[in-house]
Amino acid sequence: KILNILHGYLHNASNAWHVHHAALVHVVAPFAFLFKKESEASYCFQLMMRALDAHFGPTNGRKTLGRFLMLFRSRLPELFTHFEEEDLEASQWASPWLQWLLCRELPFDCCLRLWDSYFSAPDGHGFDLHTFVCLAILESCQADLIELEHAELLSFLRHLPTLDMDRIIVQSQYLAHDFRSQR
């Protein structure tokens, strides 16, 4: 089912920025899992890819990454400095987190819970919270991350542990509110 959905999508999206990216398998997996009919899973996957293009594609992706790094530096300066000291490039972990909605990094159940919150947000603004979700995850894992060196950091960030996603989502909403009230 996953291969059929990807084949159909790739056949029709040959000039998109994400074509042939390995993360596509991870993005389609929740839809293949949740929907019995392949056509429903395919339709939802295509809607998701359009949303990813709009929010995190080549045009908005750099802006989103810049905003995230600014928030990271101001909210968690000690951890940000640690990442810099360990020569951890944002392109190694933050870009994929933002572009692919943590579908590769989070355990499957955590990803489903997170995406559920995005899809259920009023007026389709769920993806606006994603930058703050990433920040909330860093905040939640800061004590562990600060103790790790480069290779361990990268491994941790690419394979996140099971997290209390309800707590992460609530924390991200607080972070988003704080950010908007400071503007």
Protein backbone atom coordinates (compact mmCIF):
# COMPACT_ATOMS: atom_id res chain seq x y z
CA LYS A 1 0.00 0.00 0.00
CA ILE A 2 2.78 2.45 0.92
CA LEU A 3 4.65 1.77 -2.30
CA ASN A 4 1.51 2.30 -4.40
CA ILE A 5 0.77 5.62 -2.71
CA LEU A 6 4.36 6.81 -3.14
CA HIS A 7 4.51 5.65 -6.75
CA GLY A 8 1.32 7.56 -7.58
CA TYR A 9 2.55 10.65 -5.82
CA LEU A 10 6.03 10.63 -7.32
CA HIS A 11 4.63 10.06 -10.78
CA ASN A 12 2.66 13.31 -10.51
CA ALA A 13 5.11 15.45 -8.50
CA SER A 14 8.35 15.17 -10.42
CA ASN A 15 9.44 18.78 -9.89
CA ALA A 16 8.75 19.07 -6.17
CA TRP A 17 11.62 19.80 -3.75
CA HIS A 18 11.10 16.57 -1.79
CA VAL A 19 10.87 14.04 -4.61
CA HIS A 20 12.84 10.90 -3.88
CA HIS A 21 13.54 11.88 -0.28
CA ALA A 22 13.70 8.89 2.07
CA ALA A 23 11.47 10.67 4.59
CA LEU A 24 8.50 10.27 2.24
CA VAL A 25 8.12 6.69 3.44
CA HIS A 26 7.82 7.97 7.01
CA VAL A 27 5.32 10.65 6.01
CA VAL A 28 3.03 8.22 4.21
CA ALA A 29 3.20 5.51 6.90
CA PRO A 30 0.69 7.09 9.34
CA PHE A 31 -1.87 7.45 6.55
CA ALA A 32 -1.34 3.88 5.36
CA PHE A 33 -1.75 2.74 8.96
CA LEU A 34 -4.88 4.78 9.70
CA PHE A 35 -6.87 4.34 6.49
CA LYS A 36 -8.06 1.00 5.16
CA LYS A 37 -8.71 2.32 1.68
CA GLU A 38 -5.60 3.14 -0.29
CA SER A 39 -7.41 5.99 -2.04
CA GLU A 40 -8.15 7.69 1.30
CA ALA A 41 -4.57 7.28 2.50
CA SER A 42 -3.27 8.61 -0.80
CA TYR A 43 -5.58 11.62 -0.74
CA CYS A 44 -4.55 12.55 2.82
CA PHE A 45 -0.88 12.03 2.01
CA GLN A 46 -1.17 14.39 -0.96
CA LEU A 47 -2.86 17.02 1.22
CA MET A 48 -0.07 16.63 3.75
CA MET A 49 2.60 17.10 1.10
CA ARG A 50 0.90 20.29 -0.11
CA ALA A 51 0.85 21.55 3.48
CA LEU A 52 4.52 20.68 3.91
CA ASP A 53 5.32 22.55 0.71
CA ALA A 54 3.42 25.60 1.94
CA HIS A 55 4.90 25.65 5.43
CA PHE A 56 8.35 24.13 5.12
CA GLY A 57 9.21 24.02 1.40
CA PRO A 58 12.20 25.80 -0.17
CA THR A 59 10.72 29.29 0.14
CA ASN A 60 9.43 29.15 3.71
CA GLY A 61 11.83 26.49 4.95
CA ARG A 62 14.79 28.84 5.44
CA LYS A 63 12.59 31.40 7.16
CA THR A 64 11.16 28.72 9.46
CA LEU A 65 14.63 27.38 10.27
CA GLY A 66 15.91 30.89 11.00
CA ARG A 67 13.00 31.61 13.32
CA PHE A 68 13.47 28.27 15.08
CA LEU A 69 17.19 28.87 15.63
CA MET A 70 16.48 32.38 16.96
CA LEU A 71 13.95 30.93 19.41
CA PHE A 72 16.30 28.11 20.35
CA ARG A 73 19.16 30.55 21.04
CA SER A 74 16.99 32.86 23.16
CA ARG A 75 14.98 30.22 25.04
CA LEU A 76 17.72 27.62 25.68
CA PRO A 77 21.03 29.51 25.47
CA GLU A 78 23.05 26.92 27.39
CA LEU A 79 21.90 24.08 25.15
CA PHE A 80 22.35 26.20 22.02
CA THR A 81 25.93 26.97 23.05
CA HIS A 82 26.53 23.29 23.77
CA PHE A 83 25.34 22.39 20.26
CA GLU A 84 27.70 25.02 18.82
CA GLU A 85 30.62 23.74 20.89
CA GLU A 86 29.94 20.24 19.62
CA ASP A 87 29.87 21.54 16.00
CA LEU A 88 26.32 20.32 15.52
CA GLU A 89 24.97 21.91 12.34
CA ALA A 90 21.26 22.76 12.17
CA SER A 91 21.10 21.09 8.76
CA GLN A 92 21.97 17.78 10.44
CA TRP A 93 18.95 17.75 12.73
CA ALA A 94 16.79 20.91 12.82
CA SER A 95 16.02 21.07 9.09
CA PRO A 96 14.68 17.49 8.98
CA TRP A 97 12.73 18.05 12.20
CA LEU A 98 11.02 21.05 10.64
CA GLN A 99 10.59 19.75 7.08
CA TRP A 100 9.21 16.32 7.95
CA LEU A 101 7.23 17.05 11.13
CA LEU A 102 9.38 14.70 13.22
CA CYS A 103 7.97 11.64 11.43
CA ARG A 104 11.40 9.99 11.24
CA GLU A 105 12.68 11.02 14.64
CA LEU A 106 9.74 10.28 16.93
CA PRO A 107 8.42 6.83 17.79
CA PHE A 108 5.38 6.06 15.63
CA ASP A 109 2.77 6.48 18.42
CA CYS A 110 4.26 9.85 19.41
CA CYS A 111 4.15 10.97 15.80
CA LEU A 112 0.49 9.95 15.49
CA ARG A 113 -0.42 11.91 18.63
CA LEU A 114 1.48 14.97 17.45
CA TRP A 115 -0.02 14.93 13.98
CA ASP A 116 -3.48 14.45 15.47
CA SER A 117 -3.04 17.74 17.30
CA TYR A 118 -1.94 19.45 14.08
CA PHE A 119 -4.89 18.18 12.07
CA SER A 120 -7.42 18.99 14.78
CA ALA A 121 -6.28 22.58 15.26
CA PRO A 122 -8.90 25.19 14.43
CA ASP A 123 -8.76 26.89 11.04
CA GLY A 124 -5.96 24.62 9.80
CA HIS A 125 -3.29 26.38 11.85
CA GLY A 126 -1.85 23.21 13.40
CA PHE A 127 1.41 23.35 11.49
CA ASP A 128 2.06 26.84 12.86
CA LEU A 129 2.73 25.15 16.21
CA HIS A 130 5.42 22.82 14.87
CA THR A 131 8.38 25.13 15.45
CA PHE A 132 7.32 25.44 19.08
CA VAL A 133 6.85 21.66 19.38
CA CYS A 134 10.48 21.24 18.31
CA LEU A 135 11.54 23.79 20.91
CA ALA A 136 9.44 22.08 23.60
CA ILE A 137 11.12 18.75 22.80
CA LEU A 138 14.55 20.32 23.23
CA GLU A 139 13.44 21.89 26.47
CA SER A 140 12.07 18.58 27.71
CA CYS A 141 15.26 16.68 26.80
CA GLN A 142 17.75 19.41 27.74
CA ALA A 143 19.17 17.63 30.80
CA ASP A 144 20.05 14.57 28.70
CA LEU A 145 21.26 16.53 25.67
CA ILE A 146 23.65 18.76 27.60
CA GLU A 147 25.61 15.66 28.70
CA LEU A 148 26.14 14.26 25.18
CA GLU A 149 28.95 14.76 22.69
CA HIS A 150 28.57 15.31 18.94
CA ALA A 151 27.89 11.75 17.72
CA GLU A 152 25.66 10.94 20.69
CA LEU A 153 23.77 14.21 20.27
CA LEU A 154 23.13 13.52 16.62
CA SER A 155 21.97 9.98 17.35
CA PHE A 156 19.64 11.20 20.12
CA LEU A 157 18.17 13.93 17.92
CA ARG A 158 17.61 11.51 15.04
CA HIS A 159 16.03 8.83 17.26
CA LEU A 160 14.06 10.59 19.95
CA PRO A 161 12.84 8.60 22.94
CA THR A 162 9.17 8.12 23.72
CA LEU A 163 7.94 11.45 25.04
CA ASP A 164 4.79 12.60 26.80
CA MET A 165 3.34 14.24 23.71
CA ASP A 166 0.39 15.77 25.55
CA ARG A 167 2.87 17.61 27.77
CA ILE A 168 5.02 18.58 24.76
CA ILE A 169 1.97 19.94 22.91
CA VAL A 170 0.78 21.97 25.90
CA GLN A 171 4.31 23.34 26.43
CA SER A 172 4.53 24.28 22.74
CA GLN A 173 1.25 26.17 23.01
CA TYR A 174 2.64 28.14 25.95
CA LEU A 175 5.82 28.86 24.01
CA ALA A 176 3.83 30.02 20.99
CA HIS A 177 1.68 32.26 23.16
CA ASP A 178 4.75 33.78 24.83
CA PHE A 179 6.37 34.40 21.43
CA ARG A 180 3.27 36.07 19.98
CA SER A 181 2.76 38.25 23.06
CA GLN A 182 6.36 39.55 22.83
CA ARG A 183 5.97 40.72 19.24
